[in-house]
Amino acid sequence: MNRRTLSFIALAISMFYGVGFVVIPDGSRSGYAVIGAVVVALAWVASGRFGKPDHQG
């Protein structure tokens, strides 16, 4: 998959993570913060590590 597509997916995950803080009740936010941060970090690492360059050269 090219890097642009993976970056878009990582951006969408990051945005849903941020919006999730509005939906999640106050008592559950600490667990959500830790798990969500790991998922967001893995998405961005995957986009940089496994994404194919957009162009050859």
PDB file of N, CA and C in Angstrom:
ATOM      1  N   MET A   1       0.855  -1.166   0.000  1.00  0.00           N
ATOM      2  CA  MET A   1       0.000   0.000   0.000  1.00  0.00           C
ATOM      3  C   MET A   1       0.903   1.231   0.000  1.00  0.00           C
ATOM      4  N   ASN A   2       0.501   2.239  -0.715  1.00  0.00           N
ATOM      5  CA  ASN A   2       1.381   3.403  -0.762  1.00  0.00           C
ATOM      6  C   ASN A   2       1.276   4.239   0.520  1.00  0.00           C
ATOM      7  N   ARG A   3       2.248   5.054   0.711  1.00  0.00           N
ATOM      8  CA  ARG A   3       2.367   5.826   1.954  1.00  0.00           C
ATOM      9  C   ARG A   3       1.241   6.838   2.113  1.00  0.00           C
ATOM     10  N   ARG A   4       0.751   7.363   1.018  1.00  0.00           N
ATOM     11  CA  ARG A   4      -0.331   8.357   1.087  1.00  0.00           C
ATOM     12  C   ARG A   4      -1.604   7.738   1.664  1.00  0.00           C
ATOM     13  N   THR A   5      -1.929   6.525   1.231  1.00  0.00           N
ATOM     14  CA  THR A   5      -3.121   5.846   1.735  1.00  0.00           C
ATOM     15  C   THR A   5      -2.968   5.511   3.213  1.00  0.00           C
ATOM     16  N   LEU A   6      -1.809   4.988   3.589  1.00  0.00           N
ATOM     17  CA  LEU A   6      -1.582   4.656   4.998  1.00  0.00           C
ATOM     18  C   LEU A   6      -1.589   5.906   5.872  1.00  0.00           C
ATOM     19  N   SER A   7      -1.080   7.002   5.368  1.00  0.00           N
ATOM     20  CA  SER A   7      -1.107   8.258   6.126  1.00  0.00           C
ATOM     21  C   SER A   7      -2.541   8.748   6.309  1.00  0.00           C
ATOM     22  N   PHE A   8      -3.370   8.596   5.275  1.00  0.00           N
ATOM     23  CA  PHE A   8      -4.772   8.983   5.400  1.00  0.00           C
ATOM     24  C   PHE A   8      -5.478   8.135   6.458  1.00  0.00           C
ATOM     25  N   ILE A   9      -5.218   6.829   6.456  1.00  0.00           N
ATOM     26  CA  ILE A   9      -5.822   5.948   7.452  1.00  0.00           C
ATOM     27  C   ILE A   9      -5.353   6.334   8.853  1.00  0.00           C
ATOM     28  N   ALA A  10      -4.058   6.616   9.013  1.00  0.00           N
ATOM     29  CA  ALA A  10      -3.529   7.029  10.313  1.00  0.00           C
ATOM     30  C   ALA A  10      -4.152   8.348  10.766  1.00  0.00           C
ATOM     31  N   LEU A  11      -4.362   9.266   9.838  1.00  0.00           N
ATOM     32  CA  LEU A  11      -5.000  10.536  10.180  1.00  0.00           C
ATOM     33  C   LEU A  11      -6.440  10.319  10.625  1.00  0.00           C
ATOM     34  N   ALA A  12      -7.161   9.448   9.921  1.00  0.00           N
ATOM     35  CA  ALA A  12      -8.549   9.156  10.296  1.00  0.00           C
ATOM     36  C   ALA A  12      -8.611   8.517  11.683  1.00  0.00           C
ATOM     37  N   ILE A  13      -7.704   7.578  11.970  1.00  0.00           N
ATOM     38  CA  ILE A  13      -7.651   6.951  13.297  1.00  0.00           C
ATOM     39  C   ILE A  13      -7.374   8.004  14.363  1.00  0.00           C
ATOM     40  N   SER A  14      -6.455   8.915  14.077  1.00  0.00           N
ATOM     41  CA  SER A  14      -6.122   9.971  15.038  1.00  0.00           C
ATOM     42  C   SER A  14      -7.326  10.871  15.308  1.00  0.00           C
ATOM     43  N   MET A  15      -8.074  11.195  14.273  1.00  0.00           N
ATOM     44  CA  MET A  15      -9.243  12.056  14.450  1.00  0.00           C
ATOM     45  C   MET A  15     -10.337  11.349  15.250  1.00  0.00           C
ATOM     46  N   PHE A  16     -10.585  10.073  14.944  1.00  0.00           N
ATOM     47  CA  PHE A  16     -11.585   9.323  15.707  1.00  0.00           C
ATOM     48  C   PHE A  16     -11.162   9.158  17.160  1.00  0.00           C
ATOM     49  N   TYR A  17      -9.867   9.027  17.402  1.00  0.00           N
ATOM     50  CA  TYR A  17      -9.345   8.942  18.762  1.00  0.00           C
ATOM     51  C   TYR A  17      -9.659  10.235  19.519  1.00  0.00           C
ATOM     52  N   GLY A  18      -9.436  11.366  18.894  1.00  0.00           N
ATOM     53  CA  GLY A  18      -9.724  12.644  19.542  1.00  0.00           C
ATOM     54  C   GLY A  18     -11.209  12.848  19.809  1.00  0.00           C
ATOM     55  N   VAL A  19     -12.040  12.475  18.844  1.00  0.00           N
ATOM     56  CA  VAL A  19     -13.485  12.596  19.015  1.00  0.00           C
ATOM     57  C   VAL A  19     -13.982  11.646  20.102  1.00  0.00           C
ATOM     58  N   GLY A  20     -13.308  10.532  20.269  1.00  0.00           N
ATOM     59  CA  GLY A  20     -13.706   9.547  21.273  1.00  0.00           C
ATOM     60  C   GLY A  20     -13.694  10.085  22.688  1.00  0.00           C
ATOM     61  N   PHE A  21     -12.878  11.090  22.957  1.00  0.00           N
ATOM     62  CA  PHE A  21     -12.844  11.661  24.302  1.00  0.00           C
ATOM     63  C   PHE A  21     -14.160  12.344  24.660  1.00  0.00           C
ATOM     64  N   VAL A  22     -14.910  12.779  23.670  1.00  0.00           N
ATOM     65  CA  VAL A  22     -16.208  13.386  23.927  1.00  0.00           C
ATOM     66  C   VAL A  22     -17.237  12.302  24.251  1.00  0.00           C
ATOM     67  N   VAL A  23     -17.103  11.140  23.639  1.00  0.00           N
ATOM     68  CA  VAL A  23     -18.089  10.067  23.766  1.00  0.00           C
ATOM     69  C   VAL A  23     -17.855   9.218  25.017  1.00  0.00           C
ATOM     70  N   ILE A  24     -16.597   8.984  25.372  1.00  0.00           N
ATOM     71  CA  ILE A  24     -16.250   8.108  26.498  1.00  0.00           C
ATOM     72  C   ILE A  24     -16.539   8.832  27.814  1.00  0.00           C
ATOM     73  N   PRO A  25     -17.207   8.172  28.777  1.00  0.00           N
ATOM     74  CA  PRO A  25     -17.455   8.797  30.086  1.00  0.00           C
ATOM     75  C   PRO A  25     -16.154   9.066  30.855  1.00  0.00           C
ATOM     76  N   ASP A  26     -16.213   9.961  31.822  1.00  0.00           N
ATOM     77  CA  ASP A  26     -15.025  10.377  32.568  1.00  0.00           C
ATOM     78  C   ASP A  26     -14.306   9.218  33.256  1.00  0.00           C
ATOM     79  N   GLY A  27     -15.015   8.259  33.790  1.00  0.00           N
ATOM     80  CA  GLY A  27     -14.387   7.164  34.522  1.00  0.00           C
ATOM     81  C   GLY A  27     -13.577   6.219  33.658  1.00  0.00           C
ATOM     82  N   SER A  28     -13.876   6.149  32.387  1.00  0.00           N
ATOM     83  CA  SER A  28     -13.194   5.205  31.492  1.00  0.00           C
ATOM     84  C   SER A  28     -12.125   5.860  30.632  1.00  0.00           C
ATOM     85  N   ARG A  29     -11.888   7.117  30.802  1.00  0.00           N
ATOM     86  CA  ARG A  29     -10.963   7.823  29.913  1.00  0.00           C
ATOM     87  C   ARG A  29      -9.510   7.420  30.097  1.00  0.00           C
ATOM     88  N   SER A  30      -9.110   7.014  31.280  1.00  0.00           N
ATOM     89  CA  SER A  30      -7.697   6.677  31.462  1.00  0.00           C
ATOM     90  C   SER A  30      -7.326   5.442  30.648  1.00  0.00           C
ATOM     91  N   GLY A  31      -8.176   4.428  30.656  1.00  0.00           N
ATOM     92  CA  GLY A  31      -7.915   3.241  29.845  1.00  0.00           C
ATOM     93  C   GLY A  31      -8.003   3.541  28.362  1.00  0.00           C
ATOM     94  N   TYR A  32      -8.966   4.360  27.990  1.00  0.00           N
ATOM     95  CA  TYR A  32      -9.130   4.746  26.592  1.00  0.00           C
ATOM     96  C   TYR A  32      -7.913   5.532  26.112  1.00  0.00           C
ATOM     97  N   ALA A  33      -7.386   6.387  26.958  1.00  0.00           N
ATOM     98  CA  ALA A  33      -6.234   7.200  26.569  1.00  0.00           C
ATOM     99  C   ALA A  33      -5.018   6.340  26.277  1.00  0.00           C
ATOM    100  N   VAL A  34      -4.766   5.362  27.118  1.00  0.00           N
ATOM    101  CA  VAL A  34      -3.586   4.513  26.946  1.00  0.00           C
ATOM    102  C   VAL A  34      -3.731   3.632  25.707  1.00  0.00           C
ATOM    103  N   ILE A  35      -4.843   2.935  25.602  1.00  0.00           N
ATOM    104  CA  ILE A  35      -5.044   2.016  24.473  1.00  0.00           C
ATOM    105  C   ILE A  35      -5.128   2.793  23.155  1.00  0.00           C
ATOM    106  N   GLY A  36      -5.848   3.887  23.161  1.00  0.00           N
ATOM    107  CA  GLY A  36      -5.974   4.693  21.949  1.00  0.00           C
ATOM    108  C   GLY A  36      -4.655   5.294  21.504  1.00  0.00           C
ATOM    109  N   ALA A  37      -3.848   5.739  22.452  1.00  0.00           N
ATOM    110  CA  ALA A  37      -2.546   6.306  22.101  1.00  0.00           C
ATOM    111  C   ALA A  37      -1.643   5.266  21.454  1.00  0.00           C
ATOM    112  N   VAL A  38      -1.700   4.032  21.934  1.00  0.00           N
ATOM    113  CA  VAL A  38      -0.902   2.962  21.338  1.00  0.00           C
ATOM    114  C   VAL A  38      -1.379   2.680  19.913  1.00  0.00           C
ATOM    115  N   VAL A  39      -2.687   2.649  19.703  1.00  0.00           N
ATOM    116  CA  VAL A  39      -3.229   2.390  18.363  1.00  0.00           C
ATOM    117  C   VAL A  39      -2.842   3.513  17.403  1.00  0.00           C
ATOM    118  N   VAL A  40      -2.943   4.751  17.842  1.00  0.00           N
ATOM    119  CA  VAL A  40      -2.570   5.885  16.990  1.00  0.00           C
ATOM    120  C   VAL A  40      -1.083   5.842  16.665  1.00  0.00           C
ATOM    121  N   ALA A  41      -0.248   5.576  17.654  1.00  0.00           N
ATOM    122  CA  ALA A  41       1.195   5.505  17.411  1.00  0.00           C
ATOM    123  C   ALA A  41       1.532   4.386  16.432  1.00  0.00           C
ATOM    124  N   LEU A  42       0.920   3.224  16.595  1.00  0.00           N
ATOM    125  CA  LEU A  42       1.173   2.113  15.670  1.00  0.00           C
ATOM    126  C   LEU A  42       0.715   2.453  14.254  1.00  0.00           C
ATOM    127  N   ALA A  43      -0.382   3.171  14.125  1.00  0.00           N
ATOM    128  CA  ALA A  43      -0.854   3.552  12.789  1.00  0.00           C
ATOM    129  C   ALA A  43       0.149   4.463  12.095  1.00  0.00           C
ATOM    130  N   TRP A  44       0.711   5.425  12.823  1.00  0.00           N
ATOM    131  CA  TRP A  44       1.680   6.335  12.208  1.00  0.00           C
ATOM    132  C   TRP A  44       3.007   5.643  11.926  1.00  0.00           C
ATOM    133  N   VAL A  45       3.426   4.751  12.802  1.00  0.00           N
ATOM    134  CA  VAL A  45       4.661   4.000  12.551  1.00  0.00           C
ATOM    135  C   VAL A  45       4.481   3.108  11.324  1.00  0.00           C
ATOM    136  N   ALA A  46       3.321   2.461  11.210  1.00  0.00           N
ATOM    137  CA  ALA A  46       3.065   1.599  10.059  1.00  0.00           C
ATOM    138  C   ALA A  46       3.058   2.402   8.763  1.00  0.00           C
ATOM    139  N   SER A  47       2.528   3.611   8.791  1.00  0.00           N
ATOM    140  CA  SER A  47       2.501   4.402   7.562  1.00  0.00           C
ATOM    141  C   SER A  47       3.912   4.780   7.107  1.00  0.00           C
ATOM    142  N   GLY A  48       4.797   5.027   8.034  1.00  0.00           N
ATOM    143  CA  GLY A  48       6.170   5.359   7.672  1.00  0.00           C
ATOM    144  C   GLY A  48       7.032   4.156   7.374  1.00  0.00           C
ATOM    145  N   ARG A  49       6.804   3.091   8.087  1.00  0.00           N
ATOM    146  CA  ARG A  49       7.648   1.898   7.955  1.00  0.00           C
ATOM    147  C   ARG A  49       7.248   1.009   6.790  1.00  0.00           C
ATOM    148  N   PHE A  50       5.964   0.782   6.594  1.00  0.00           N
ATOM    149  CA  PHE A  50       5.496  -0.178   5.616  1.00  0.00           C
ATOM    150  C   PHE A  50       4.932   0.461   4.345  1.00  0.00           C
ATOM    151  N   GLY A  51       4.808   1.771   4.327  1.00  0.00           N
ATOM    152  CA  GLY A  51       4.271   2.429   3.145  1.00  0.00           C
ATOM    153  C   GLY A  51       5.290   2.497   2.027  1.00  0.00           C
ATOM    154  N   LYS A  52       4.850   2.207   0.829  1.00  0.00           N
ATOM    155  CA  LYS A  52       5.716   2.320  -0.344  1.00  0.00           C
ATOM    156  C   LYS A  52       5.801   3.772  -0.733  1.00  0.00           C
ATOM    157  N   PRO A  53       6.951   4.212  -1.231  1.00  0.00           N
ATOM    158  CA  PRO A  53       7.065   5.609  -1.658  1.00  0.00           C
ATOM    159  C   PRO A  53       6.059   5.941  -2.750  1.00  0.00           C
ATOM    160  N   ASP A  54       5.614   7.194  -2.765  1.00  0.00           N
ATOM    161  CA  ASP A  54       4.627   7.627  -3.752  1.00  0.00           C
ATOM    162  C   ASP A  54       5.196   7.680  -5.167  1.00  0.00           C
ATOM    163  N   HIS A  55       6.505   7.840  -5.276  1.00  0.00           N
ATOM    164  CA  HIS A  55       7.126   7.930  -6.601  1.00  0.00           C
ATOM    165  C   HIS A  55       8.443   7.164  -6.608  1.00  0.00           C
ATOM    166  N   GLN A  56       8.880   6.788  -7.754  1.00  0.00           N
ATOM    167  CA  GLN A  56      10.176   6.109  -7.905  1.00  0.00           C
ATOM    168  C   GLN A  56      11.208   7.141  -8.329  1.00  0.00           C
ATOM    169  N   GLY A  57      12.371   7.063  -7.710  1.00  0.00           N
ATOM    170  CA  GLY A  57      13.385   7.991  -8.171  1.00  0.00           C
ATOM    171  C   GLY A  57      14.205   8.572  -7.156  1.00  0.00           C
TER     172      GLY A  57
END
